[in-house]
PDB file of N, CA and C in Angstrom:
ATOM      1  N   MET A   1       0.826  -1.238  -0.047  1.00  0.00           N
ATOM      2  CA  MET A   1      -0.113   0.045  -0.048  1.00  0.00           C
ATOM      3  C   MET A   1       0.855   1.211  -0.013  1.00  0.00           C
ATOM      4  N   GLY A   2       0.495   2.187  -0.789  1.00  0.00           N
ATOM      5  CA  GLY A   2       1.232   3.468  -0.790  1.00  0.00           C
ATOM      6  C   GLY A   2       0.998   4.299   0.320  1.00  0.00           C
ATOM      7  N   ARG A   3       1.521   5.488   0.106  1.00  0.00           N
ATOM      8  CA  ARG A   3       1.399   6.650   1.190  1.00  0.00           C
ATOM      9  C   ARG A   3       0.187   7.314   1.004  1.00  0.00           C
ATOM     10  N   VAL A   4      -0.475   7.728   2.203  1.00  0.00           N
ATOM     11  CA  VAL A   4      -1.763   8.385   2.101  1.00  0.00           C
ATOM     12  C   VAL A   4      -1.501   9.942   2.736  1.00  0.00           C
ATOM     13  N   SER A   5      -1.798  10.698   1.944  1.00  0.00           N
ATOM     14  CA  SER A   5      -1.734  12.163   2.548  1.00  0.00           C
ATOM     15  C   SER A   5      -2.693  12.327   3.681  1.00  0.00           C
ATOM     16  N   HIS A   6      -2.517  13.487   4.504  1.00  0.00           N
ATOM     17  CA  HIS A   6      -3.195  13.549   5.608  1.00  0.00           C
ATOM     18  C   HIS A   6      -4.653  13.977   5.325  1.00  0.00           C
ATOM     19  N   ASP A   7      -4.930  14.591   4.205  1.00  0.00           N
ATOM     20  CA  ASP A   7      -6.268  14.871   3.873  1.00  0.00           C
ATOM     21  C   ASP A   7      -7.219  13.716   3.282  1.00  0.00           C
ATOM     22  N   GLN A   8      -6.382  12.633   3.044  1.00  0.00           N
ATOM     23  CA  GLN A   8      -7.075  11.310   2.512  1.00  0.00           C
ATOM     24  C   GLN A   8      -7.174  10.293   3.560  1.00  0.00           C
ATOM     25  N   VAL A   9      -6.690  10.469   4.727  1.00  0.00           N
ATOM     26  CA  VAL A   9      -6.602   9.509   5.876  1.00  0.00           C
ATOM     27  C   VAL A   9      -8.170   8.971   6.076  1.00  0.00           C
ATOM     28  N   ALA A  10      -9.042   9.912   6.347  1.00  0.00           N
ATOM     29  CA  ALA A  10     -10.402   9.484   6.683  1.00  0.00           C
ATOM     30  C   ALA A  10     -10.958   8.543   5.550  1.00  0.00           C
ATOM     31  N   GLU A  11     -10.846   8.925   4.396  1.00  0.00           N
ATOM     32  CA  GLU A  11     -11.383   8.156   3.247  1.00  0.00           C
ATOM     33  C   GLU A  11     -10.652   6.867   3.003  1.00  0.00           C
ATOM     34  N   ALA A  12      -9.357   6.779   3.269  1.00  0.00           N
ATOM     35  CA  ALA A  12      -8.576   5.664   3.286  1.00  0.00           C
ATOM     36  C   ALA A  12      -8.905   4.638   4.243  1.00  0.00           C
ATOM     37  N   PHE A  13      -9.348   5.132   5.582  1.00  0.00           N
ATOM     38  CA  PHE A  13      -9.624   4.315   6.581  1.00  0.00           C
ATOM     39  C   PHE A  13     -11.011   3.691   6.334  1.00  0.00           C
ATOM     40  N   ARG A  14     -12.080   4.507   5.903  1.00  0.00           N
ATOM     41  CA  ARG A  14     -13.335   4.021   5.398  1.00  0.00           C
ATOM     42  C   ARG A  14     -13.348   3.001   4.516  1.00  0.00           C
ATOM     43  N   THR A  15     -12.476   3.242   3.368  1.00  0.00           N
ATOM     44  CA  THR A  15     -12.428   2.067   2.384  1.00  0.00           C
ATOM     45  C   THR A  15     -11.737   0.880   3.029  1.00  0.00           C
ATOM     46  N   ALA A  16     -10.740   0.816   3.770  1.00  0.00           N
ATOM     47  CA  ALA A  16     -10.204  -0.244   4.376  1.00  0.00           C
ATOM     48  C   ALA A  16     -11.062  -0.964   5.153  1.00  0.00           C
ATOM     49  N   PHE A  17     -11.800  -0.202   6.019  1.00  0.00           N
ATOM     50  CA  PHE A  17     -12.802  -0.891   7.001  1.00  0.00           C
ATOM     51  C   PHE A  17     -13.921  -1.563   6.126  1.00  0.00           C
ATOM     52  N   CYS A  18     -14.319  -1.022   5.106  1.00  0.00           N
ATOM     53  CA  CYS A  18     -15.488  -1.677   4.411  1.00  0.00           C
ATOM     54  C   CYS A  18     -14.966  -2.837   3.676  1.00  0.00           C
ATOM     55  N   ARG A  19     -13.665  -2.863   3.207  1.00  0.00           N
ATOM     56  CA  ARG A  19     -13.126  -3.956   2.499  1.00  0.00           C
ATOM     57  C   ARG A  19     -12.920  -5.146   3.623  1.00  0.00           C
ATOM     58  N   TRP A  20     -12.652  -4.845   4.743  1.00  0.00           N
ATOM     59  CA  TRP A  20     -12.410  -5.868   5.798  1.00  0.00           C
ATOM     60  C   TRP A  20     -13.779  -6.299   6.286  1.00  0.00           C
ATOM     61  N   SER A  21     -14.782  -5.399   6.486  1.00  0.00           N
ATOM     62  CA  SER A  21     -16.087  -5.825   7.192  1.00  0.00           C
ATOM     63  C   SER A  21     -16.918  -6.429   6.140  1.00  0.00           C
ATOM     64  N   ALA A  22     -17.039  -6.088   4.940  1.00  0.00           N
ATOM     65  CA  ALA A  22     -17.930  -6.631   3.798  1.00  0.00           C
ATOM     66  C   ALA A  22     -18.034  -8.235   3.904  1.00  0.00           C
ATOM     67  N   PRO A  23     -16.866  -8.865   3.649  1.00  0.00           N
ATOM     68  CA  PRO A  23     -16.935 -10.340   3.659  1.00  0.00           C
ATOM     69  C   PRO A  23     -17.561 -10.988   5.015  1.00  0.00           C
ATOM     70  N   LEU A  24     -17.104 -10.282   6.062  1.00  0.00           N
ATOM     71  CA  LEU A  24     -17.789 -10.672   7.455  1.00  0.00           C
ATOM     72  C   LEU A  24     -19.348 -10.527   7.424  1.00  0.00           C
ATOM     73  N   LEU A  25     -19.834  -9.395   6.983  1.00  0.00           N
ATOM     74  CA  LEU A  25     -21.207  -9.112   7.096  1.00  0.00           C
ATOM     75  C   LEU A  25     -21.997 -10.013   5.966  1.00  0.00           C
ATOM     76  N   ILE A  26     -21.515 -10.148   4.846  1.00  0.00           N
ATOM     77  CA  ILE A  26     -22.057 -11.214   3.782  1.00  0.00           C
ATOM     78  C   ILE A  26     -22.136 -12.667   4.363  1.00  0.00           C
ATOM     79  N   ASP A  27     -20.984 -13.070   4.965  1.00  0.00           N
ATOM     80  CA  ASP A  27     -21.044 -14.410   5.434  1.00  0.00           C
ATOM     81  C   ASP A  27     -21.993 -14.653   6.664  1.00  0.00           C
ATOM     82  N   SER A  28     -22.301 -13.518   7.420  1.00  0.00           N
ATOM     83  CA  SER A  28     -23.222 -13.854   8.456  1.00  0.00           C
ATOM     84  C   SER A  28     -24.688 -13.604   8.114  1.00  0.00           C
ATOM     85  N   ASN A  29     -25.001 -13.449   6.814  1.00  0.00           N
ATOM     86  CA  ASN A  29     -26.387 -13.299   6.393  1.00  0.00           C
ATOM     87  C   ASN A  29     -26.646 -14.316   5.310  1.00  0.00           C
ATOM     88  N   ASP A  30     -27.619 -15.187   5.623  1.00  0.00           N
ATOM     89  CA  ASP A  30     -27.878 -16.261   4.633  1.00  0.00           C
ATOM     90  C   ASP A  30     -28.319 -15.608   3.255  1.00  0.00           C
ATOM     91  N   ALA A  31     -29.086 -14.655   3.174  1.00  0.00           N
ATOM     92  CA  ALA A  31     -29.625 -14.135   1.991  1.00  0.00           C
ATOM     93  C   ALA A  31     -28.480 -13.651   1.058  1.00  0.00           C
ATOM     94  N   LEU A  32     -27.519 -12.828   1.751  1.00  0.00           N
ATOM     95  CA  LEU A  32     -26.461 -12.273   0.982  1.00  0.00           C
ATOM     96  C   LEU A  32     -25.422 -13.422   0.660  1.00  0.00           C
ATOM     97  N   ARG A  33     -25.199 -14.474   1.508  1.00  0.00           N
ATOM     98  CA  ARG A  33     -24.307 -15.460   1.141  1.00  0.00           C
ATOM     99  C   ARG A  33     -24.709 -16.314   0.056  1.00  0.00           C
ATOM    100  N   ARG A  34     -26.252 -16.560  -0.206  1.00  0.00           N
ATOM    101  CA  ARG A  34     -26.663 -17.173  -1.375  1.00  0.00           C
ATOM    102  C   ARG A  34     -26.936 -16.385  -2.521  1.00  0.00           C
ATOM    103  N   PHE A  35     -26.677 -15.097  -2.397  1.00  0.00           N
ATOM    104  CA  PHE A  35     -26.894 -14.232  -3.562  1.00  0.00           C
ATOM    105  C   PHE A  35     -26.048 -14.676  -4.729  1.00  0.00           C
ATOM    106  N   SER A  36     -26.762 -14.671  -6.027  1.00  0.00           N
ATOM    107  CA  SER A  36     -26.102 -14.934  -7.157  1.00  0.00           C
ATOM    108  C   SER A  36     -26.280 -13.985  -8.188  1.00  0.00           C
ATOM    109  N   SER A  37     -25.356 -13.301  -8.648  1.00  0.00           N
ATOM    110  CA  SER A  37     -25.661 -12.198  -9.642  1.00  0.00           C
ATOM    111  C   SER A  37     -26.209 -12.661 -10.894  1.00  0.00           C
ATOM    112  N   VAL A  38     -25.733 -13.813 -11.315  1.00  0.00           N
ATOM    113  CA  VAL A  38     -26.391 -14.511 -12.456  1.00  0.00           C
ATOM    114  C   VAL A  38     -27.782 -14.724 -12.397  1.00  0.00           C
ATOM    115  N   ASP A  39     -28.337 -15.291 -11.246  1.00  0.00           N
ATOM    116  CA  ASP A  39     -29.736 -15.518 -10.996  1.00  0.00           C
ATOM    117  C   ASP A  39     -30.459 -14.160 -10.814  1.00  0.00           C
ATOM    118  N   HIS A  40     -29.882 -13.252 -10.238  1.00  0.00           N
ATOM    119  CA  HIS A  40     -30.527 -11.959 -10.045  1.00  0.00           C
ATOM    120  C   HIS A  40     -30.850 -11.212 -11.381  1.00  0.00           C
ATOM    121  N   GLU A  41     -29.700 -11.347 -12.215  1.00  0.00           N
ATOM    122  CA  GLU A  41     -29.868 -10.701 -13.590  1.00  0.00           C
ATOM    123  C   GLU A  41     -30.949 -11.407 -14.420  1.00  0.00           C
ATOM    124  N   ALA A  42     -31.002 -12.805 -14.178  1.00  0.00           N
ATOM    125  CA  ALA A  42     -32.149 -13.464 -15.072  1.00  0.00           C
ATOM    126  C   ALA A  42     -33.376 -13.180 -14.440  1.00  0.00           C
ATOM    127  N   LEU A  43     -33.632 -12.965 -13.110  1.00  0.00           N
ATOM    128  CA  LEU A  43     -35.012 -12.445 -12.602  1.00  0.00           C
ATOM    129  C   LEU A  43     -35.294 -11.063 -13.099  1.00  0.00           C
ATOM    130  N   ILE A  44     -34.289 -10.158 -13.197  1.00  0.00           N
ATOM    131  CA  ILE A  44     -34.501  -8.852 -13.778  1.00  0.00           C
ATOM    132  C   ILE A  44     -35.058  -8.983 -15.287  1.00  0.00           C
ATOM    133  N   ARG A  45     -34.299  -9.870 -15.974  1.00  0.00           N
ATOM    134  CA  ARG A  45     -34.681  -9.999 -17.373  1.00  0.00           C
ATOM    135  C   ARG A  45     -36.238 -10.562 -17.602  1.00  0.00           C
ATOM    136  N   THR A  46     -36.494 -11.614 -16.695  1.00  0.00           N
ATOM    137  CA  THR A  46     -37.838 -12.120 -16.750  1.00  0.00           C
ATOM    138  C   THR A  46     -38.925 -11.084 -16.260  1.00  0.00           C
ATOM    139  N   PHE A  47     -38.524 -10.408 -15.283  1.00  0.00           N
ATOM    140  CA  PHE A  47     -39.453  -9.249 -14.870  1.00  0.00           C
ATOM    141  C   PHE A  47     -39.700  -8.238 -15.983  1.00  0.00           C
ATOM    142  N   CYS A  48     -38.665  -7.778 -16.619  1.00  0.00           N
ATOM    143  CA  CYS A  48     -38.797  -6.867 -17.612  1.00  0.00           C
ATOM    144  C   CYS A  48     -39.712  -7.471 -18.866  1.00  0.00           C
ATOM    145  N   GLU A  49     -39.526  -8.704 -19.121  1.00  0.00           N
ATOM    146  CA  GLU A  49     -40.316  -9.439 -20.262  1.00  0.00           C
ATOM    147  C   GLU A  49     -41.729  -9.445 -19.827  1.00  0.00           C
ATOM    148  N   LEU A  50     -42.031  -9.875 -18.580  1.00  0.00           N
ATOM    149  CA  LEU A  50     -43.436 -10.087 -18.149  1.00  0.00           C
ATOM    150  C   LEU A  50     -44.111  -8.576 -18.066  1.00  0.00           C
ATOM    151  N   ASP A  51     -43.269  -7.594 -17.509  1.00  0.00           N
ATOM    152  CA  ASP A  51     -43.752  -6.262 -17.496  1.00  0.00           C
ATOM    153  C   ASP A  51     -44.174  -5.729 -18.883  1.00  0.00           C
ATOM    154  N   GLU A  52     -43.455  -5.973 -19.830  1.00  0.00           N
ATOM    155  CA  GLU A  52     -43.692  -5.530 -21.272  1.00  0.00           C
ATOM    156  C   GLU A  52     -44.928  -6.344 -21.716  1.00  0.00           C
ATOM    157  N   GLU A  53     -45.081  -7.522 -21.392  1.00  0.00           N
ATOM    158  CA  GLU A  53     -46.297  -8.363 -21.749  1.00  0.00           C
ATOM    159  C   GLU A  53     -47.483  -7.752 -21.177  1.00  0.00           C
ATOM    160  N   VAL A  54     -47.339  -7.395 -19.857  1.00  0.00           N
ATOM    161  CA  VAL A  54     -48.570  -6.870 -19.100  1.00  0.00           C
ATOM    162  C   VAL A  54     -48.962  -5.527 -19.663  1.00  0.00           C
ATOM    163  N   SER A  55     -47.884  -4.614 -20.060  1.00  0.00           N
ATOM    164  CA  SER A  55     -48.278  -3.343 -20.596  1.00  0.00           C
ATOM    165  C   SER A  55     -48.882  -3.620 -21.890  1.00  0.00           C
ATOM    166  N   SER A  56     -48.451  -4.522 -22.707  1.00  0.00           N
ATOM    167  CA  SER A  56     -49.150  -4.748 -24.051  1.00  0.00           C
ATOM    168  C   SER A  56     -50.540  -5.313 -23.946  1.00  0.00           C
ATOM    169  N   LEU A  57     -50.780  -6.053 -22.996  1.00  0.00           N
ATOM    170  CA  LEU A  57     -52.063  -6.488 -22.709  1.00  0.00           C
ATOM    171  C   LEU A  57     -52.984  -5.505 -22.181  1.00  0.00           C
ATOM    172  N   THR A  58     -52.494  -4.757 -21.364  1.00  0.00           N
ATOM    173  CA  THR A  58     -53.200  -3.588 -20.748  1.00  0.00           C
ATOM    174  C   THR A  58     -53.827  -2.630 -22.079  1.00  0.00           C
ATOM    175  N   VAL A  59     -52.712  -2.373 -22.821  1.00  0.00           N
ATOM    176  CA  VAL A  59     -53.204  -1.494 -24.019  1.00  0.00           C
ATOM    177  C   VAL A  59     -54.371  -2.067 -24.732  1.00  0.00           C
ATOM    178  N   GLY A  60     -54.210  -3.292 -24.980  1.00  0.00           N
ATOM    179  CA  GLY A  60     -55.283  -4.007 -25.853  1.00  0.00           C
ATOM    180  C   GLY A  60     -56.676  -4.135 -24.946  1.00  0.00           C
ATOM    181  N   TYR A  61     -56.561  -4.311 -23.664  1.00  0.00           N
ATOM    182  CA  TYR A  61     -57.683  -4.211 -22.806  1.00  0.00           C
ATOM    183  C   TYR A  61     -58.423  -2.990 -22.794  1.00  0.00           C
ATOM    184  N   ILE A  62     -57.626  -1.915 -22.683  1.00  0.00           N
ATOM    185  CA  ILE A  62     -58.240  -0.575 -22.556  1.00  0.00           C
ATOM    186  C   ILE A  62     -58.853  -0.224 -24.051  1.00  0.00           C
ATOM    187  N   ARG A  63     -58.149  -0.532 -25.164  1.00  0.00           N
ATOM    188  CA  ARG A  63     -58.625  -0.268 -26.439  1.00  0.00           C
ATOM    189  C   ARG A  63     -59.935  -0.969 -26.579  1.00  0.00           C
ATOM    190  N   ALA A  64     -60.091  -2.305 -26.162  1.00  0.00           N
ATOM    191  CA  ALA A  64     -61.282  -3.187 -26.312  1.00  0.00           C
ATOM    192  C   ALA A  64     -62.386  -2.619 -25.425  1.00  0.00           C
ATOM    193  N   LEU A  65     -62.037  -2.106 -24.329  1.00  0.00           N
ATOM    194  CA  LEU A  65     -62.998  -1.500 -23.421  1.00  0.00           C
ATOM    195  C   LEU A  65     -63.571  -0.297 -23.831  1.00  0.00           C
ATOM    196  N   LEU A  66     -62.792   0.597 -24.395  1.00  0.00           N
ATOM    197  CA  LEU A  66     -63.320   1.853 -24.918  1.00  0.00           C
ATOM    198  C   LEU A  66     -63.924   1.622 -26.319  1.00  0.00           C
ATOM    199  N   SER A  67     -63.611   0.622 -27.069  1.00  0.00           N
ATOM    200  CA  SER A  67     -64.211   0.402 -28.384  1.00  0.00           C
ATOM    201  C   SER A  67     -65.617  -0.109 -28.040  1.00  0.00           C
ATOM    202  N   SER A  68     -65.738  -0.910 -26.993  1.00  0.00           N
ATOM    203  CA  SER A  68     -67.133  -1.437 -26.694  1.00  0.00           C
ATOM    204  C   SER A  68     -68.059  -0.307 -26.379  1.00  0.00           C
ATOM    205  N   GLN A  69     -67.698   0.892 -26.116  1.00  0.00           N
ATOM    206  CA  GLN A  69     -68.545   1.894 -25.658  1.00  0.00           C
ATOM    207  C   GLN A  69     -68.945   2.893 -26.739  1.00  0.00           C
ATOM    208  N   VAL A  70     -68.316   2.747 -27.825  1.00  0.00           N
ATOM    209  CA  VAL A  70     -68.656   3.582 -28.986  1.00  0.00           C
ATOM    210  C   VAL A  70     -69.891   3.073 -29.658  1.00  0.00           C
ATOM    211  N   PRO A  71     -70.874   3.886 -29.890  1.00  0.00           N
ATOM    212  CA  PRO A  71     -72.023   3.337 -30.461  1.00  0.00           C
ATOM    213  C   PRO A  71     -71.703   3.086 -31.883  1.00  0.00           C
ATOM    214  N   SER A  72     -72.498   2.225 -32.431  1.00  0.00           N
ATOM    215  CA  SER A  72     -72.438   1.872 -33.962  1.00  0.00           C
ATOM    216  C   SER A  72     -73.071   3.095 -34.704  1.00  0.00           C
ATOM    217  N   ARG A  73     -72.805   3.217 -36.004  1.00  0.00           N
ATOM    218  CA  ARG A  73     -73.285   4.196 -36.769  1.00  0.00           C
ATOM    219  C   ARG A  73     -74.810   4.126 -36.969  1.00  0.00           C
ATOM    220  N   THR A  74     -75.228   2.786 -37.070  1.00  0.00           N
ATOM    221  CA  THR A  74     -76.675   2.482 -37.258  1.00  0.00           C
ATOM    222  C   THR A  74     -77.496   2.681 -36.018  1.00  0.00           C
ATOM    223  N   SER A  75     -76.928   2.680 -34.765  1.00  0.00           N
ATOM    224  CA  SER A  75     -77.780   2.768 -33.588  1.00  0.00           C
ATOM    225  C   SER A  75     -77.664   4.209 -33.107  1.00  0.00           C
ATOM    226  N   VAL A  76     -76.994   5.115 -33.757  1.00  0.00           N
ATOM    227  CA  VAL A  76     -77.027   6.516 -33.377  1.00  0.00           C
ATOM    228  C   VAL A  76     -78.301   7.242 -33.955  1.00  0.00           C
ATOM    229  N   THR A  77     -78.956   7.838 -33.035  1.00  0.00           N
ATOM    230  CA  THR A  77     -80.124   8.634 -33.468  1.00  0.00           C
ATOM    231  C   THR A  77     -79.901  10.069 -33.641  1.00  0.00           C
ATOM    232  N   ALA A  78     -80.424  10.685 -34.633  1.00  0.00           N
ATOM    233  CA  ALA A  78     -80.231  11.940 -35.022  1.00  0.00           C
ATOM    234  C   ALA A  78     -80.275  13.053 -33.749  1.00  0.00           C
ATOM    235  N   GLY A  79     -81.202  12.893 -32.923  1.00  0.00           N
ATOM    236  CA  GLY A  79     -81.432  13.678 -31.820  1.00  0.00           C
ATOM    237  C   GLY A  79     -80.756  13.332 -30.540  1.00  0.00           C
ATOM    238  N   HIS A  80     -79.959  12.393 -30.443  1.00  0.00           N
ATOM    239  CA  HIS A  80     -79.332  11.936 -29.334  1.00  0.00           C
ATOM    240  C   HIS A  80     -77.765  11.880 -29.361  1.00  0.00           C
ATOM    241  N   GLY A  81     -77.153  12.344 -28.274  1.00  0.00           N
ATOM    242  CA  GLY A  81     -75.626  12.306 -28.110  1.00  0.00           C
ATOM    243  C   GLY A  81     -74.811  12.346 -29.285  1.00  0.00           C
ATOM    244  N   PHE A  82     -74.308  11.171 -29.822  1.00  0.00           N
ATOM    245  CA  PHE A  82     -73.400  10.985 -30.778  1.00  0.00           C
ATOM    246  C   PHE A  82     -74.079  11.358 -32.175  1.00  0.00           C
ATOM    247  N   GLY A  83     -75.326  11.118 -32.273  1.00  0.00           N
ATOM    248  CA  GLY A  83     -76.048  11.475 -33.466  1.00  0.00           C
ATOM    249  C   GLY A  83     -75.952  13.049 -33.772  1.00  0.00           C
ATOM    250  N   ILE A  84     -76.087  13.836 -32.674  1.00  0.00           N
ATOM    251  CA  ILE A  84     -75.898  15.276 -32.795  1.00  0.00           C
ATOM    252  C   ILE A  84     -74.408  15.665 -33.275  1.00  0.00           C
ATOM    253  N   LEU A  85     -73.562  14.963 -32.650  1.00  0.00           N
ATOM    254  CA  LEU A  85     -72.083  15.188 -33.014  1.00  0.00           C
ATOM    255  C   LEU A  85     -71.874  14.832 -34.589  1.00  0.00           C
ATOM    256  N   SER A  86     -72.352  13.637 -34.864  1.00  0.00           N
ATOM    257  CA  SER A  86     -72.175  13.193 -36.245  1.00  0.00           C
ATOM    258  C   SER A  86     -72.854  14.102 -37.227  1.00  0.00           C
ATOM    259  N   ARG A  87     -73.951  14.595 -36.994  1.00  0.00           N
ATOM    260  CA  ARG A  87     -74.600  15.611 -37.846  1.00  0.00           C
ATOM    261  C   ARG A  87     -73.717  16.913 -37.954  1.00  0.00           C
ATOM    262  N   GLU A  88     -73.290  17.308 -36.871  1.00  0.00           N
ATOM    263  CA  GLU A  88     -72.439  18.608 -36.851  1.00  0.00           C
ATOM    264  C   GLU A  88     -71.116  18.257 -37.577  1.00  0.00           C
ATOM    265  N   ILE A  89     -70.529  17.164 -37.634  1.00  0.00           N
ATOM    266  CA  ILE A  89     -69.319  16.885 -38.240  1.00  0.00           C
ATOM    267  C   ILE A  89     -69.510  17.028 -39.794  1.00  0.00           C
ATOM    268  N   GLN A  90     -70.613  16.278 -40.336  1.00  0.00           N
ATOM    269  CA  GLN A  90     -71.040  16.249 -41.588  1.00  0.00           C
ATOM    270  C   GLN A  90     -71.278  17.733 -42.139  1.00  0.00           C
ATOM    271  N   LYS A  91     -71.693  18.677 -41.386  1.00  0.00           N
ATOM    272  CA  LYS A  91     -72.076  19.977 -41.925  1.00  0.00           C
ATOM    273  C   LYS A  91     -70.948  20.671 -42.566  1.00  0.00           C
ATOM    274  N   LYS A  92     -71.111  21.332 -43.596  1.00  0.00           N
ATOM    275  CA  LYS A  92     -70.210  22.175 -44.226  1.00  0.00           C
ATOM    276  C   LYS A  92     -69.999  23.497 -43.576  1.00  0.00           C
ATOM    277  N   SER A  93     -71.043  24.190 -42.965  1.00  0.00           N
ATOM    278  CA  SER A  93     -71.041  25.451 -42.421  1.00  0.00           C
ATOM    279  C   SER A  93     -72.086  25.544 -41.441  1.00  0.00           C
ATOM    280  N   GLN A  94     -72.090  26.757 -40.772  1.00  0.00           N
ATOM    281  CA  GLN A  94     -73.088  27.011 -39.654  1.00  0.00           C
ATOM    282  C   GLN A  94     -72.899  25.991 -38.400  1.00  0.00           C
ATOM    283  N   HIS A  95     -71.869  25.601 -38.032  1.00  0.00           N
ATOM    284  CA  HIS A  95     -71.634  24.570 -36.877  1.00  0.00           C
ATOM    285  C   HIS A  95     -72.013  25.406 -35.562  1.00  0.00           C
ATOM    286  N   MET A  96     -72.649  24.514 -34.757  1.00  0.00           N
ATOM    287  CA  MET A  96     -73.055  24.983 -33.579  1.00  0.00           C
ATOM    288  C   MET A  96     -71.928  25.203 -32.582  1.00  0.00           C
ATOM    289  N   PRO A  97     -72.094  26.218 -31.787  1.00  0.00           N
ATOM    290  CA  PRO A  97     -70.862  26.467 -30.756  1.00  0.00           C
ATOM    291  C   PRO A  97     -70.600  25.216 -29.871  1.00  0.00           C
ATOM    292  N   VAL A  98     -69.315  25.057 -29.641  1.00  0.00           N
ATOM    293  CA  VAL A  98     -68.870  23.909 -28.959  1.00  0.00           C
ATOM    294  C   VAL A  98     -69.593  23.610 -27.670  1.00  0.00           C
ATOM    295  N   ARG A  99     -69.710  24.801 -26.772  1.00  0.00           N
ATOM    296  CA  ARG A  99     -70.440  24.646 -25.448  1.00  0.00           C
ATOM    297  C   ARG A  99     -71.907  24.113 -25.743  1.00  0.00           C
ATOM    298  N   ARG A 100     -72.658  24.645 -26.728  1.00  0.00           N
ATOM    299  CA  ARG A 100     -73.999  24.202 -26.979  1.00  0.00           C
ATOM    300  C   ARG A 100     -74.079  22.800 -27.466  1.00  0.00           C
ATOM    301  N   LEU A 101     -73.041  22.449 -28.212  1.00  0.00           N
ATOM    302  CA  LEU A 101     -72.930  20.951 -28.749  1.00  0.00           C
ATOM    303  C   LEU A 101     -72.778  19.927 -27.551  1.00  0.00           C
ATOM    304  N   MET A 102     -71.740  20.426 -26.725  1.00  0.00           N
ATOM    305  CA  MET A 102     -71.602  19.522 -25.569  1.00  0.00           C
ATOM    306  C   MET A 102     -72.685  19.438 -24.594  1.00  0.00           C
ATOM    307  N   SER A 103     -73.521  20.560 -24.529  1.00  0.00           N
ATOM    308  CA  SER A 103     -74.747  20.510 -23.747  1.00  0.00           C
ATOM    309  C   SER A 103     -75.901  19.635 -24.389  1.00  0.00           C
ATOM    310  N   GLU A 104     -76.002  19.769 -25.579  1.00  0.00           N
ATOM    311  CA  GLU A 104     -76.978  18.928 -26.355  1.00  0.00           C
ATOM    312  C   GLU A 104     -76.616  17.543 -26.425  1.00  0.00           C
ATOM    313  N   MET A 105     -75.328  17.221 -26.502  1.00  0.00           N
ATOM    314  CA  MET A 105     -74.887  15.768 -26.371  1.00  0.00           C
ATOM    315  C   MET A 105     -75.138  15.165 -25.120  1.00  0.00           C
ATOM    316  N   GLY A 106     -75.207  15.969 -23.970  1.00  0.00           N
ATOM    317  CA  GLY A 106     -75.619  15.453 -22.728  1.00  0.00           C
ATOM    318  C   GLY A 106     -74.633  14.380 -22.226  1.00  0.00           C
ATOM    319  N   SER A 107     -75.150  13.201 -21.698  1.00  0.00           N
ATOM    320  CA  SER A 107     -74.203  12.219 -20.988  1.00  0.00           C
ATOM    321  C   SER A 107     -73.219  11.511 -21.960  1.00  0.00           C
ATOM    322  N   SER A 108     -73.404  11.656 -23.232  1.00  0.00           N
ATOM    323  CA  SER A 108     -72.541  11.085 -24.223  1.00  0.00           C
ATOM    324  C   SER A 108     -71.154  11.629 -24.129  1.00  0.00           C
ATOM    325  N   THR A 109     -71.091  12.840 -23.643  1.00  0.00           N
ATOM    326  CA  THR A 109     -69.716  13.501 -23.584  1.00  0.00           C
ATOM    327  C   THR A 109     -68.922  13.021 -22.226  1.00  0.00           C
ATOM    328  N   ARG A 110     -69.397  12.274 -21.321  1.00  0.00           N
ATOM    329  CA  ARG A 110     -68.863  11.869 -20.185  1.00  0.00           C
ATOM    330  C   ARG A 110     -68.098  10.572 -20.343  1.00  0.00           C
TER     331      ARG A 110
END
């Protein structure tokens, strides 16, 4: 070991103490003693794969859920909710103000 300047003594002591005590602490703890970085990395990879799969399934589920709530074009009546919106979208001019449109659509906007 080389020389340590007086302003590095505390850090050198801390480093030496940690290097001395780490093996003792690891050996005294079953979980730390059995720890395998290879197994740990495999678990992390598996978790990431499963997390990606859950995310993908969630996107599909939300899309299906929302799609099931959209009324079909044939079931939309002219004077109700989405029928009013459909009629306004098809108009070339004289669109009704947004606030009035939202009010007339009623519960369809929620």
